[in-house]
PDB file of N, CA and C in Angstrom:
ATOM      1  N   UNK A   1     161.190-143.441 -34.636  1.00  0.00           N
ATOM      2  CA  UNK A   1     160.872-142.523 -33.382  1.00  0.00           C
ATOM      3  C   UNK A   1     161.152-142.348 -32.331  1.00  0.00           C
ATOM      4  N   UNK A   2     160.715-141.209 -31.480  1.00  0.00           N
ATOM      5  CA  UNK A   2     161.088-140.693 -30.755  1.00  0.00           C
ATOM      6  C   UNK A   2     160.401-140.873 -29.709  1.00  0.00           C
ATOM      7  N   UNK A   3     160.621-140.525 -28.071  1.00  0.00           N
ATOM      8  CA  UNK A   3     160.518-140.505 -27.036  1.00  0.00           C
ATOM      9  C   UNK A   3     158.948-140.542 -26.628  1.00  0.00           C
ATOM     10  N   UNK A   4     158.601-139.261 -27.089  1.00  0.00           N
ATOM     11  CA  UNK A   4     156.705-139.108 -27.146  1.00  0.00           C
ATOM     12  C   UNK A   4     156.220-140.149 -27.321  1.00  0.00           C
ATOM     13  N   UNK A   5     156.086-140.526 -28.472  1.00  0.00           N
ATOM     14  CA  UNK A   5     155.456-141.677 -29.417  1.00  0.00           C
ATOM     15  C   UNK A   5     155.530-142.951 -28.716  1.00  0.00           C
ATOM     16  N   UNK A   6     156.852-143.260 -28.118  1.00  0.00           N
ATOM     17  CA  UNK A   6     156.421-144.492 -27.436  1.00  0.00           C
ATOM     18  C   UNK A   6     156.390-144.233 -26.425  1.00  0.00           C
ATOM     19  N   UNK A   7     156.070-142.911 -25.366  1.00  0.00           N
ATOM     20  CA  UNK A   7     155.293-142.797 -24.749  1.00  0.00           C
ATOM     21  C   UNK A   7     153.932-143.103 -24.912  1.00  0.00           C
ATOM     22  N   UNK A   8     153.482-142.822 -25.464  1.00  0.00           N
ATOM     23  CA  UNK A   8     151.587-142.399 -25.869  1.00  0.00           C
ATOM     24  C   UNK A   8     151.649-144.215 -26.670  1.00  0.00           C
ATOM     25  N   UNK A   9     152.646-144.564 -27.391  1.00  0.00           N
ATOM     26  CA  UNK A   9     151.874-146.026 -27.535  1.00  0.00           C
ATOM     27  C   UNK A   9     152.106-146.642 -26.083  1.00  0.00           C
ATOM     28  N   UNK A  10     152.573-146.469 -25.512  1.00  0.00           N
ATOM     29  CA  UNK A  10     152.650-147.554 -24.282  1.00  0.00           C
ATOM     30  C   UNK A  10     151.093-147.337 -23.123  1.00  0.00           C
ATOM     31  N   UNK A  11     151.120-145.971 -23.431  1.00  0.00           N
ATOM     32  CA  UNK A  11     150.204-145.518 -22.299  1.00  0.00           C
ATOM     33  C   UNK A  11     148.790-145.999 -22.591  1.00  0.00           C
ATOM     34  N   UNK A  12     148.952-146.116 -24.114  1.00  0.00           N
ATOM     35  CA  UNK A  12     147.446-146.520 -24.724  1.00  0.00           C
ATOM     36  C   UNK A  12     147.012-147.491 -24.591  1.00  0.00           C
ATOM     37  N   UNK A  13     147.994-148.342 -24.019  1.00  0.00           N
ATOM     38  CA  UNK A  13     147.289-149.342 -23.649  1.00  0.00           C
ATOM     39  C   UNK A  13     146.458-149.329 -22.545  1.00  0.00           C
ATOM     40  N   UNK A  14     145.809-150.911 -22.568  1.00  0.00           N
ATOM     41  CA  UNK A  14     144.796-151.176 -21.270  1.00  0.00           C
ATOM     42  C   UNK A  14     145.621-151.610 -20.431  1.00  0.00           C
ATOM     43  N   UNK A  15     145.632-150.482 -19.152  1.00  0.00           N
ATOM     44  CA  UNK A  15     145.997-150.559 -17.745  1.00  0.00           C
ATOM     45  C   UNK A  15     147.635-150.261 -17.579  1.00  0.00           C
ATOM     46  N   UNK A  16     147.765-149.719 -18.611  1.00  0.00           N
ATOM     47  CA  UNK A  16     149.394-149.512 -18.482  1.00  0.00           C
ATOM     48  C   UNK A  16     149.816-147.879 -17.447  1.00  0.00           C
ATOM     49  N   UNK A  17     150.574-148.384 -16.767  1.00  0.00           N
ATOM     50  CA  UNK A  17     150.615-146.541 -16.376  1.00  0.00           C
ATOM     51  C   UNK A  17     151.883-147.007 -15.824  1.00  0.00           C
ATOM     52  N   UNK A  18     152.952-145.448 -15.667  1.00  0.00           N
ATOM     53  CA  UNK A  18     154.276-145.420 -16.104  1.00  0.00           C
ATOM     54  C   UNK A  18     154.771-145.426 -14.758  1.00  0.00           C
ATOM     55  N   UNK A  19     155.960-145.182 -14.303  1.00  0.00           N
ATOM     56  CA  UNK A  19     156.970-145.208 -12.827  1.00  0.00           C
ATOM     57  C   UNK A  19     158.556-144.930 -13.139  1.00  0.00           C
ATOM     58  N   UNK A  20     159.411-144.758 -12.634  1.00  0.00           N
ATOM     59  CA  UNK A  20     160.969-143.927 -12.383  1.00  0.00           C
ATOM     60  C   UNK A  20     161.487-144.920 -11.100  1.00  0.00           C
ATOM     61  N   UNK A  21     161.336-146.203 -10.701  1.00  0.00           N
ATOM     62  CA  UNK A  21     161.424-146.764  -9.626  1.00  0.00           C
ATOM     63  C   UNK A  21     163.030-146.793  -9.408  1.00  0.00           C
ATOM     64  N   UNK A  22     164.047-146.729 -10.901  1.00  0.00           N
ATOM     65  CA  UNK A  22     165.435-146.637 -11.267  1.00  0.00           C
ATOM     66  C   UNK A  22     166.289-145.658 -10.928  1.00  0.00           C
ATOM     67  N   UNK A  23     165.280-144.501 -10.926  1.00  0.00           N
ATOM     68  CA  UNK A  23     165.762-143.310 -10.717  1.00  0.00           C
ATOM     69  C   UNK A  23     165.015-142.116 -11.207  1.00  0.00           C
ATOM     70  N   UNK A  24     165.866-141.065 -11.502  1.00  0.00           N
ATOM     71  CA  UNK A  24     164.972-139.738 -12.667  1.00  0.00           C
ATOM     72  C   UNK A  24     165.580-140.169 -14.009  1.00  0.00           C
ATOM     73  N   UNK A  25     166.387-140.937 -14.702  1.00  0.00           N
ATOM     74  CA  UNK A  25     166.626-140.985 -15.744  1.00  0.00           C
ATOM     75  C   UNK A  25     165.490-142.353 -16.568  1.00  0.00           C
ATOM     76  N   UNK A  26     165.287-143.362 -15.754  1.00  0.00           N
ATOM     77  CA  UNK A  26     164.681-144.305 -16.539  1.00  0.00           C
ATOM     78  C   UNK A  26     163.205-144.709 -16.313  1.00  0.00           C
ATOM     79  N   UNK A  27     162.394-144.323 -17.556  1.00  0.00           N
ATOM     80  CA  UNK A  27     160.762-144.565 -17.193  1.00  0.00           C
ATOM     81  C   UNK A  27     160.942-146.111 -18.123  1.00  0.00           C
ATOM     82  N   UNK A  28     159.542-146.314 -17.008  1.00  0.00           N
ATOM     83  CA  UNK A  28     159.405-148.243 -17.519  1.00  0.00           C
ATOM     84  C   UNK A  28     157.875-148.146 -17.147  1.00  0.00           C
ATOM     85  N   UNK A  29     156.994-148.771 -17.756  1.00  0.00           N
ATOM     86  CA  UNK A  29     155.843-149.280 -17.954  1.00  0.00           C
ATOM     87  C   UNK A  29     155.859-150.244 -18.076  1.00  0.00           C
ATOM     88  N   UNK A  30     154.598-150.054 -16.849  1.00  0.00           N
ATOM     89  CA  UNK A  30     153.844-151.811 -16.335  1.00  0.00           C
ATOM     90  C   UNK A  30     152.113-151.640 -16.461  1.00  0.00           C
ATOM     91  N   UNK A  31     152.501-152.739 -16.960  1.00  0.00           N
ATOM     92  CA  UNK A  31     150.639-153.586 -17.194  1.00  0.00           C
ATOM     93  C   UNK A  31     150.442-154.299 -15.529  1.00  0.00           C
ATOM     94  N   UNK A  32     148.930-153.608 -14.877  1.00  0.00           N
ATOM     95  CA  UNK A  32     148.540-154.147 -14.329  1.00  0.00           C
ATOM     96  C   UNK A  32     150.127-154.642 -12.934  1.00  0.00           C
ATOM     97  N   UNK A  33     150.664-153.692 -12.619  1.00  0.00           N
ATOM     98  CA  UNK A  33     152.049-153.620 -11.933  1.00  0.00           C
ATOM     99  C   UNK A  33     153.202-154.662 -12.677  1.00  0.00           C
ATOM    100  N   UNK A  34     152.964-155.019 -13.657  1.00  0.00           N
ATOM    101  CA  UNK A  34     154.296-156.055 -13.913  1.00  0.00           C
ATOM    102  C   UNK A  34     155.283-155.163 -15.471  1.00  0.00           C
ATOM    103  N   UNK A  35     156.532-155.039 -15.496  1.00  0.00           N
ATOM    104  CA  UNK A  35     156.856-154.214 -16.439  1.00  0.00           C
ATOM    105  C   UNK A  35     157.249-154.681 -17.430  1.00  0.00           C
ATOM    106  N   UNK A  36     156.660-153.895 -18.540  1.00  0.00           N
ATOM    107  CA  UNK A  36     157.395-154.564 -20.352  1.00  0.00           C
ATOM    108  C   UNK A  36     157.509-153.528 -21.071  1.00  0.00           C
ATOM    109  N   UNK A  37     158.342-152.632 -20.173  1.00  0.00           N
ATOM    110  CA  UNK A  37     158.612-151.919 -21.121  1.00  0.00           C
ATOM    111  C   UNK A  37     159.739-151.219 -20.864  1.00  0.00           C
ATOM    112  N   UNK A  38     160.845-150.554 -20.543  1.00  0.00           N
ATOM    113  CA  UNK A  38     161.372-149.549 -20.423  1.00  0.00           C
ATOM    114  C   UNK A  38     162.859-148.496 -21.241  1.00  0.00           C
ATOM    115  N   UNK A  39     162.718-147.451 -20.900  1.00  0.00           N
ATOM    116  CA  UNK A  39     164.342-146.234 -21.599  1.00  0.00           C
ATOM    117  C   UNK A  39     164.693-145.399 -20.567  1.00  0.00           C
ATOM    118  N   UNK A  40     165.457-144.873 -21.330  1.00  0.00           N
ATOM    119  CA  UNK A  40     166.542-143.861 -20.383  1.00  0.00           C
ATOM    120  C   UNK A  40     165.760-142.764 -21.700  1.00  0.00           C
ATOM    121  N   UNK A  41     165.495-141.581 -20.598  1.00  0.00           N
ATOM    122  CA  UNK A  41     165.045-140.818 -21.082  1.00  0.00           C
ATOM    123  C   UNK A  41     165.504-139.346 -21.241  1.00  0.00           C
ATOM    124  N   UNK A  42     166.920-139.898 -20.643  1.00  0.00           N
ATOM    125  CA  UNK A  42     167.954-138.462 -21.208  1.00  0.00           C
ATOM    126  C   UNK A  42     168.338-139.048 -22.296  1.00  0.00           C
ATOM    127  N   UNK A  43     168.747-139.833 -22.258  1.00  0.00           N
ATOM    128  CA  UNK A  43     169.579-140.826 -24.079  1.00  0.00           C
ATOM    129  C   UNK A  43     168.470-141.504 -24.342  1.00  0.00           C
ATOM    130  N   UNK A  44     167.411-141.547 -25.120  1.00  0.00           N
ATOM    131  CA  UNK A  44     166.051-142.296 -25.934  1.00  0.00           C
ATOM    132  C   UNK A  44     166.755-142.894 -26.903  1.00  0.00           C
ATOM    133  N   UNK A  45     167.805-144.173 -27.122  1.00  0.00           N
ATOM    134  CA  UNK A  45     168.658-144.075 -28.042  1.00  0.00           C
ATOM    135  C   UNK A  45     168.359-145.815 -27.903  1.00  0.00           C
ATOM    136  N   UNK A  46     167.568-146.387 -27.521  1.00  0.00           N
ATOM    137  CA  UNK A  46     167.611-147.714 -27.086  1.00  0.00           C
ATOM    138  C   UNK A  46     165.725-148.090 -26.023  1.00  0.00           C
ATOM    139  N   UNK A  47     165.493-149.389 -26.049  1.00  0.00           N
ATOM    140  CA  UNK A  47     163.762-149.393 -25.263  1.00  0.00           C
ATOM    141  C   UNK A  47     164.548-151.078 -24.975  1.00  0.00           C
ATOM    142  N   UNK A  48     164.040-151.192 -24.008  1.00  0.00           N
ATOM    143  CA  UNK A  48     164.214-152.533 -23.366  1.00  0.00           C
ATOM    144  C   UNK A  48     162.648-153.324 -23.469  1.00  0.00           C
ATOM    145  N   UNK A  49     162.533-154.421 -23.964  1.00  0.00           N
ATOM    146  CA  UNK A  49     160.993-155.192 -24.051  1.00  0.00           C
ATOM    147  C   UNK A  49     161.340-156.264 -23.512  1.00  0.00           C
ATOM    148  N   UNK A  50     160.201-156.710 -22.895  1.00  0.00           N
ATOM    149  CA  UNK A  50     160.216-158.392 -22.591  1.00  0.00           C
ATOM    150  C   UNK A  50     160.131-158.822 -24.151  1.00  0.00           C
ATOM    151  N   UNK A  51     160.592-160.362 -23.996  1.00  0.00           N
ATOM    152  CA  UNK A  51     160.539-161.602 -25.136  1.00  0.00           C
ATOM    153  C   UNK A  51     160.285-162.451 -24.699  1.00  0.00           C
ATOM    154  N   UNK A  52     159.832-163.742 -25.810  1.00  0.00           N
ATOM    155  CA  UNK A  52     160.148-165.060 -25.368  1.00  0.00           C
ATOM    156  C   UNK A  52     160.880-165.219 -25.961  1.00  0.00           C
ATOM    157  N   UNK A  53     161.808-166.361 -25.064  1.00  0.00           N
ATOM    158  CA  UNK A  53     163.037-166.302 -25.441  1.00  0.00           C
ATOM    159  C   UNK A  53     163.513-167.146 -26.445  1.00  0.00           C
ATOM    160  N   UNK A  54     162.777-167.695 -27.062  1.00  0.00           N
ATOM    161  CA  UNK A  54     163.338-168.504 -28.487  1.00  0.00           C
ATOM    162  C   UNK A  54     162.757-166.948 -30.115  1.00  0.00           C
ATOM    163  N   UNK A  55     161.637-166.717 -29.433  1.00  0.00           N
ATOM    164  CA  UNK A  55     161.664-165.345 -30.297  1.00  0.00           C
ATOM    165  C   UNK A  55     162.844-164.121 -29.918  1.00  0.00           C
ATOM    166  N   UNK A  56     163.677-163.785 -28.789  1.00  0.00           N
ATOM    167  CA  UNK A  56     164.134-163.186 -28.461  1.00  0.00           C
ATOM    168  C   UNK A  56     165.022-163.484 -29.169  1.00  0.00           C
ATOM    169  N   UNK A  57     165.801-165.118 -29.265  1.00  0.00           N
ATOM    170  CA  UNK A  57     167.178-164.886 -29.970  1.00  0.00           C
ATOM    171  C   UNK A  57     167.129-165.340 -31.267  1.00  0.00           C
ATOM    172  N   UNK A  58     166.288-165.552 -31.910  1.00  0.00           N
ATOM    173  CA  UNK A  58     165.726-165.478 -33.454  1.00  0.00           C
ATOM    174  C   UNK A  58     165.923-163.266 -33.961  1.00  0.00           C
ATOM    175  N   UNK A  59     165.315-162.961 -32.927  1.00  0.00           N
ATOM    176  CA  UNK A  59     165.292-161.387 -33.155  1.00  0.00           C
ATOM    177  C   UNK A  59     167.143-160.401 -33.273  1.00  0.00           C
ATOM    178  N   UNK A  60     167.683-161.279 -32.848  1.00  0.00           N
ATOM    179  CA  UNK A  60     169.019-161.069 -32.300  1.00  0.00           C
ATOM    180  C   UNK A  60     169.596-161.526 -33.872  1.00  0.00           C
ATOM    181  N   UNK A  61     169.127-162.594 -33.857  1.00  0.00           N
ATOM    182  CA  UNK A  61     169.584-163.246 -35.379  1.00  0.00           C
ATOM    183  C   UNK A  61     169.494-162.543 -36.279  1.00  0.00           C
ATOM    184  N   UNK A  62     168.687-161.814 -36.164  1.00  0.00           N
ATOM    185  CA  UNK A  62     167.528-161.152 -37.952  1.00  0.00           C
ATOM    186  C   UNK A  62     168.194-159.445 -37.607  1.00  0.00           C
ATOM    187  N   UNK A  63     167.924-159.076 -36.770  1.00  0.00           N
ATOM    188  CA  UNK A  63     168.263-157.384 -36.130  1.00  0.00           C
ATOM    189  C   UNK A  63     169.513-157.359 -36.050  1.00  0.00           C
ATOM    190  N   UNK A  64     170.301-155.981 -36.493  1.00  0.00           N
ATOM    191  CA  UNK A  64     171.984-155.539 -35.818  1.00  0.00           C
ATOM    192  C   UNK A  64     171.033-155.226 -34.923  1.00  0.00           C
ATOM    193  N   UNK A  65     170.022-154.405 -34.512  1.00  0.00           N
ATOM    194  CA  UNK A  65     169.528-153.116 -33.717  1.00  0.00           C
ATOM    195  C   UNK A  65     169.162-154.097 -32.557  1.00  0.00           C
ATOM    196  N   UNK A  66     168.688-155.839 -31.951  1.00  0.00           N
ATOM    197  CA  UNK A  66     168.377-155.881 -30.954  1.00  0.00           C
ATOM    198  C   UNK A  66     169.695-157.139 -30.208  1.00  0.00           C
ATOM    199  N   UNK A  67     169.794-156.327 -29.308  1.00  0.00           N
ATOM    200  CA  UNK A  67     170.854-157.221 -28.249  1.00  0.00           C
ATOM    201  C   UNK A  67     169.922-158.198 -26.650  1.00  0.00           C
ATOM    202  N   UNK A  68     170.726-158.546 -26.423  1.00  0.00           N
ATOM    203  CA  UNK A  68     170.203-158.967 -25.040  1.00  0.00           C
ATOM    204  C   UNK A  68     169.648-157.408 -24.117  1.00  0.00           C
ATOM    205  N   UNK A  69     168.877-158.063 -23.222  1.00  0.00           N
ATOM    206  CA  UNK A  69     168.662-156.945 -22.467  1.00  0.00           C
ATOM    207  C   UNK A  69     169.845-156.440 -21.793  1.00  0.00           C
ATOM    208  N   UNK A  70     170.072-154.642 -21.717  1.00  0.00           N
ATOM    209  CA  UNK A  70     171.204-154.332 -20.913  1.00  0.00           C
ATOM    210  C   UNK A  70     170.410-154.563 -19.383  1.00  0.00           C
ATOM    211  N   UNK A  71     171.156-154.482 -18.887  1.00  0.00           N
ATOM    212  CA  UNK A  71     171.044-154.761 -17.360  1.00  0.00           C
ATOM    213  C   UNK A  71     169.942-155.008 -16.486  1.00  0.00           C
ATOM    214  N   UNK A  72     168.799-156.692 -17.840  1.00  0.00           N
ATOM    215  CA  UNK A  72     167.817-157.408 -17.821  1.00  0.00           C
ATOM    216  C   UNK A  72     168.005-158.554 -17.641  1.00  0.00           C
ATOM    217  N   UNK A  73     167.341-159.160 -17.711  1.00  0.00           N
ATOM    218  CA  UNK A  73     167.316-161.121 -17.583  1.00  0.00           C
ATOM    219  C   UNK A  73     167.863-161.244 -18.945  1.00  0.00           C
ATOM    220  N   UNK A  74     168.492-161.502 -19.966  1.00  0.00           N
ATOM    221  CA  UNK A  74     169.012-161.454 -20.777  1.00  0.00           C
ATOM    222  C   UNK A  74     168.193-162.511 -21.368  1.00  0.00           C
ATOM    223  N   UNK A  75     167.782-163.522 -20.870  1.00  0.00           N
ATOM    224  CA  UNK A  75     166.768-165.108 -21.573  1.00  0.00           C
ATOM    225  C   UNK A  75     165.185-164.475 -21.825  1.00  0.00           C
ATOM    226  N   UNK A  76     164.887-162.978 -21.427  1.00  0.00           N
ATOM    227  CA  UNK A  76     163.528-162.929 -21.281  1.00  0.00           C
ATOM    228  C   UNK A  76     163.240-161.068 -21.542  1.00  0.00           C
ATOM    229  N   UNK A  77     164.374-160.266 -22.254  1.00  0.00           N
ATOM    230  CA  UNK A  77     164.683-159.448 -22.312  1.00  0.00           C
ATOM    231  C   UNK A  77     165.550-158.927 -23.801  1.00  0.00           C
ATOM    232  N   UNK A  78     165.245-158.230 -24.434  1.00  0.00           N
ATOM    233  CA  UNK A  78     166.095-157.199 -25.216  1.00  0.00           C
ATOM    234  C   UNK A  78     165.976-155.594 -25.008  1.00  0.00           C
ATOM    235  N   UNK A  79     167.626-155.654 -25.548  1.00  0.00           N
ATOM    236  CA  UNK A  79     167.170-153.868 -25.751  1.00  0.00           C
ATOM    237  C   UNK A  79     166.911-153.728 -27.422  1.00  0.00           C
ATOM    238  N   UNK A  80     165.971-152.590 -27.980  1.00  0.00           N
ATOM    239  CA  UNK A  80     166.274-152.663 -29.350  1.00  0.00           C
ATOM    240  C   UNK A  80     166.541-151.274 -29.564  1.00  0.00           C
ATOM    241  N   UNK A  81     168.263-151.105 -30.125  1.00  0.00           N
ATOM    242  CA  UNK A  81     168.292-149.377 -30.760  1.00  0.00           C
ATOM    243  C   UNK A  81     167.157-149.187 -31.729  1.00  0.00           C
ATOM    244  N   UNK A  82     167.154-147.421 -31.419  1.00  0.00           N
ATOM    245  CA  UNK A  82     166.172-147.009 -32.098  1.00  0.00           C
ATOM    246  C   UNK A  82     166.576-146.535 -33.451  1.00  0.00           C
ATOM    247  N   UNK A  83     167.185-146.193 -33.283  1.00  0.00           N
ATOM    248  CA  UNK A  83     168.003-145.641 -34.861  1.00  0.00           C
ATOM    249  C   UNK A  83     168.620-146.896 -35.126  1.00  0.00           C
ATOM    250  N   UNK A  84     167.990-147.944 -36.179  1.00  0.00           N
ATOM    251  CA  UNK A  84     168.666-148.816 -36.435  1.00  0.00           C
ATOM    252  C   UNK A  84     167.762-149.503 -37.848  1.00  0.00           C
ATOM    253  N   UNK A  85     168.650-150.872 -37.695  1.00  0.00           N
ATOM    254  CA  UNK A  85     168.407-151.335 -38.662  1.00  0.00           C
ATOM    255  C   UNK A  85     166.719-152.066 -38.853  1.00  0.00           C
ATOM    256  N   UNK A  86     166.187-151.257 -37.405  1.00  0.00           N
ATOM    257  CA  UNK A  86     164.570-152.132 -37.626  1.00  0.00           C
ATOM    258  C   UNK A  86     163.630-151.529 -37.617  1.00  0.00           C
ATOM    259  N   UNK A  87     162.183-151.022 -38.125  1.00  0.00           N
ATOM    260  CA  UNK A  87     161.673-150.193 -38.403  1.00  0.00           C
ATOM    261  C   UNK A  87     160.671-149.517 -37.440  1.00  0.00           C
ATOM    262  N   UNK A  88     160.279-148.622 -37.503  1.00  0.00           N
ATOM    263  CA  UNK A  88     159.798-148.313 -36.370  1.00  0.00           C
ATOM    264  C   UNK A  88     157.693-149.506 -36.004  1.00  0.00           C
ATOM    265  N   UNK A  89     157.547-149.732 -36.823  1.00  0.00           N
ATOM    266  CA  UNK A  89     156.406-150.845 -37.195  1.00  0.00           C
ATOM    267  C   UNK A  89     156.987-151.934 -36.610  1.00  0.00           C
ATOM    268  N   UNK A  90     158.493-152.370 -37.337  1.00  0.00           N
ATOM    269  CA  UNK A  90     158.524-153.816 -36.008  1.00  0.00           C
ATOM    270  C   UNK A  90     158.553-152.975 -34.750  1.00  0.00           C
ATOM    271  N   UNK A  91     159.463-151.955 -34.397  1.00  0.00           N
ATOM    272  CA  UNK A  91     159.402-151.524 -32.886  1.00  0.00           C
ATOM    273  C   UNK A  91     157.740-151.775 -32.296  1.00  0.00           C
ATOM    274  N   UNK A  92     157.118-150.864 -33.057  1.00  0.00           N
ATOM    275  CA  UNK A  92     155.545-150.775 -32.398  1.00  0.00           C
ATOM    276  C   UNK A  92     155.159-152.580 -32.133  1.00  0.00           C
ATOM    277  N   UNK A  93     155.309-153.966 -33.040  1.00  0.00           N
ATOM    278  CA  UNK A  93     155.027-155.008 -33.061  1.00  0.00           C
ATOM    279  C   UNK A  93     155.853-155.509 -31.931  1.00  0.00           C
ATOM    280  N   UNK A  94     156.669-155.393 -31.631  1.00  0.00           N
ATOM    281  CA  UNK A  94     157.112-155.633 -30.347  1.00  0.00           C
ATOM    282  C   UNK A  94     157.301-155.797 -29.031  1.00  0.00           C
ATOM    283  N   UNK A  95     156.705-154.110 -29.268  1.00  0.00           N
ATOM    284  CA  UNK A  95     156.244-153.475 -27.769  1.00  0.00           C
ATOM    285  C   UNK A  95     154.498-154.470 -27.596  1.00  0.00           C
ATOM    286  N   UNK A  96     153.624-154.628 -28.430  1.00  0.00           N
ATOM    287  CA  UNK A  96     153.002-155.569 -28.706  1.00  0.00           C
ATOM    288  C   UNK A  96     152.987-156.987 -27.811  1.00  0.00           C
ATOM    289  N   UNK A  97     153.706-157.135 -28.925  1.00  0.00           N
ATOM    290  CA  UNK A  97     154.382-158.878 -28.046  1.00  0.00           C
ATOM    291  C   UNK A  97     154.737-158.364 -26.411  1.00  0.00           C
ATOM    292  N   UNK A  98     155.438-157.551 -26.258  1.00  0.00           N
ATOM    293  CA  UNK A  98     156.067-157.320 -24.894  1.00  0.00           C
ATOM    294  C   UNK A  98     154.975-156.807 -24.012  1.00  0.00           C
ATOM    295  N   UNK A  99     153.907-156.587 -24.281  1.00  0.00           N
ATOM    296  CA  UNK A  99     152.526-156.229 -23.530  1.00  0.00           C
ATOM    297  C   UNK A  99     151.849-157.453 -23.488  1.00  0.00           C
ATOM    298  N   UNK A 100     151.333-157.881 -24.438  1.00  0.00           N
ATOM    299  CA  UNK A 100     150.993-159.365 -24.205  1.00  0.00           C
ATOM    300  C   UNK A 100     151.477-160.809 -23.751  1.00  0.00           C
ATOM    301  N   UNK A 101     152.960-160.635 -23.127  1.00  0.00           N
ATOM    302  CA  UNK A 101     153.446-161.448 -22.669  1.00  0.00           C
ATOM    303  C   UNK A 101     153.154-161.379 -21.740  1.00  0.00           C
ATOM    304  N   UNK A 102     153.091-160.057 -20.818  1.00  0.00           N
ATOM    305  CA  UNK A 102     152.911-160.039 -19.109  1.00  0.00           C
ATOM    306  C   UNK A 102     151.700-160.220 -19.379  1.00  0.00           C
ATOM    307  N   UNK A 103     150.743-159.642 -19.774  1.00  0.00           N
ATOM    308  CA  UNK A 103     148.817-159.932 -19.937  1.00  0.00           C
ATOM    309  C   UNK A 103     149.454-161.301 -19.724  1.00  0.00           C
ATOM    310  N   UNK A 104     149.262-162.081 -20.664  1.00  0.00           N
ATOM    311  CA  UNK A 104     149.054-163.515 -20.707  1.00  0.00           C
ATOM    312  C   UNK A 104     149.602-164.378 -19.119  1.00  0.00           C
ATOM    313  N   UNK A 105     150.815-163.571 -18.654  1.00  0.00           N
ATOM    314  CA  UNK A 105     151.214-164.167 -17.824  1.00  0.00           C
ATOM    315  C   UNK A 105     150.607-163.756 -16.203  1.00  0.00           C
ATOM    316  N   UNK A 106     149.575-163.051 -16.693  1.00  0.00           N
ATOM    317  CA  UNK A 106     148.760-162.487 -14.749  1.00  0.00           C
ATOM    318  C   UNK A 106     147.998-164.109 -14.360  1.00  0.00           C
ATOM    319  N   UNK A 107     147.751-163.476 -13.670  1.00  0.00           N
ATOM    320  CA  UNK A 107     146.985-164.624 -12.614  1.00  0.00           C
ATOM    321  C   UNK A 107     145.539-163.691 -13.459  1.00  0.00           C
ATOM    322  N   UNK A 108     144.391-165.360 -13.334  1.00  0.00           N
ATOM    323  CA  UNK A 108     143.142-164.729 -13.665  1.00  0.00           C
ATOM    324  C   UNK A 108     142.531-163.537 -12.849  1.00  0.00           C
ATOM    325  N   UNK A 109     142.609-163.315 -11.683  1.00  0.00           N
ATOM    326  CA  UNK A 109     142.078-161.770 -11.000  1.00  0.00           C
ATOM    327  C   UNK A 109     142.521-160.844 -11.607  1.00  0.00           C
ATOM    328  N   UNK A 110     143.950-160.962 -12.187  1.00  0.00           N
ATOM    329  CA  UNK A 110     144.406-159.165 -12.570  1.00  0.00           C
ATOM    330  C   UNK A 110     144.055-159.456 -14.402  1.00  0.00           C
ATOM    331  N   UNK A 111     143.939-160.409 -14.695  1.00  0.00           N
ATOM    332  CA  UNK A 111     143.274-160.620 -16.026  1.00  0.00           C
ATOM    333  C   UNK A 111     142.086-160.236 -15.847  1.00  0.00           C
ATOM    334  N   UNK A 112     141.015-160.597 -14.864  1.00  0.00           N
ATOM    335  CA  UNK A 112     140.007-160.547 -15.163  1.00  0.00           C
ATOM    336  C   UNK A 112     139.555-158.772 -14.619  1.00  0.00           C
ATOM    337  N   UNK A 113     140.493-157.612 -13.590  1.00  0.00           N
ATOM    338  CA  UNK A 113     140.641-156.777 -13.350  1.00  0.00           C
ATOM    339  C   UNK A 113     140.782-155.699 -14.488  1.00  0.00           C
ATOM    340  N   UNK A 114     141.910-156.292 -15.268  1.00  0.00           N
ATOM    341  CA  UNK A 114     142.636-155.865 -16.653  1.00  0.00           C
ATOM    342  C   UNK A 114     141.396-155.093 -17.388  1.00  0.00           C
ATOM    343  N   UNK A 115     140.459-156.455 -17.783  1.00  0.00           N
ATOM    344  CA  UNK A 115     138.975-156.122 -17.970  1.00  0.00           C
ATOM    345  C   UNK A 115     138.105-154.866 -18.265  1.00  0.00           C
ATOM    346  N   UNK A 116     138.206-154.887 -16.564  1.00  0.00           N
ATOM    347  CA  UNK A 116     137.554-153.677 -15.901  1.00  0.00           C
ATOM    348  C   UNK A 116     138.138-152.168 -16.163  1.00  0.00           C
ATOM    349  N   UNK A 117     139.485-152.473 -16.443  1.00  0.00           N
ATOM    350  CA  UNK A 117     139.937-151.231 -16.385  1.00  0.00           C
ATOM    351  C   UNK A 117     139.704-150.130 -17.285  1.00  0.00           C
TER     352      UNK A 117
END
């Protein structure tokens, strides 16, 4: 996977916007202003994705590519190395998981606004 494919996949999701709140080299994807994915645009070596805490531990045990979230809450975030033992299809699956976790945690009013997005 390359950064363009990652970016396009994230932006194709309903209600997603991109931001750079941590400087010129960190690209953040948000749904309804809640972060669900981020990466370094200069060194696209890994991505950070939100994850269910129990699943996060399972993924870390299953894949060498998955580590506790770098500079993130290690209970709720994983860092996934791009060139690793995890396939692109698996990475897309975990992007979906991250996006859905955030969407499911939105207040009812924001969920309704997302439907109309």
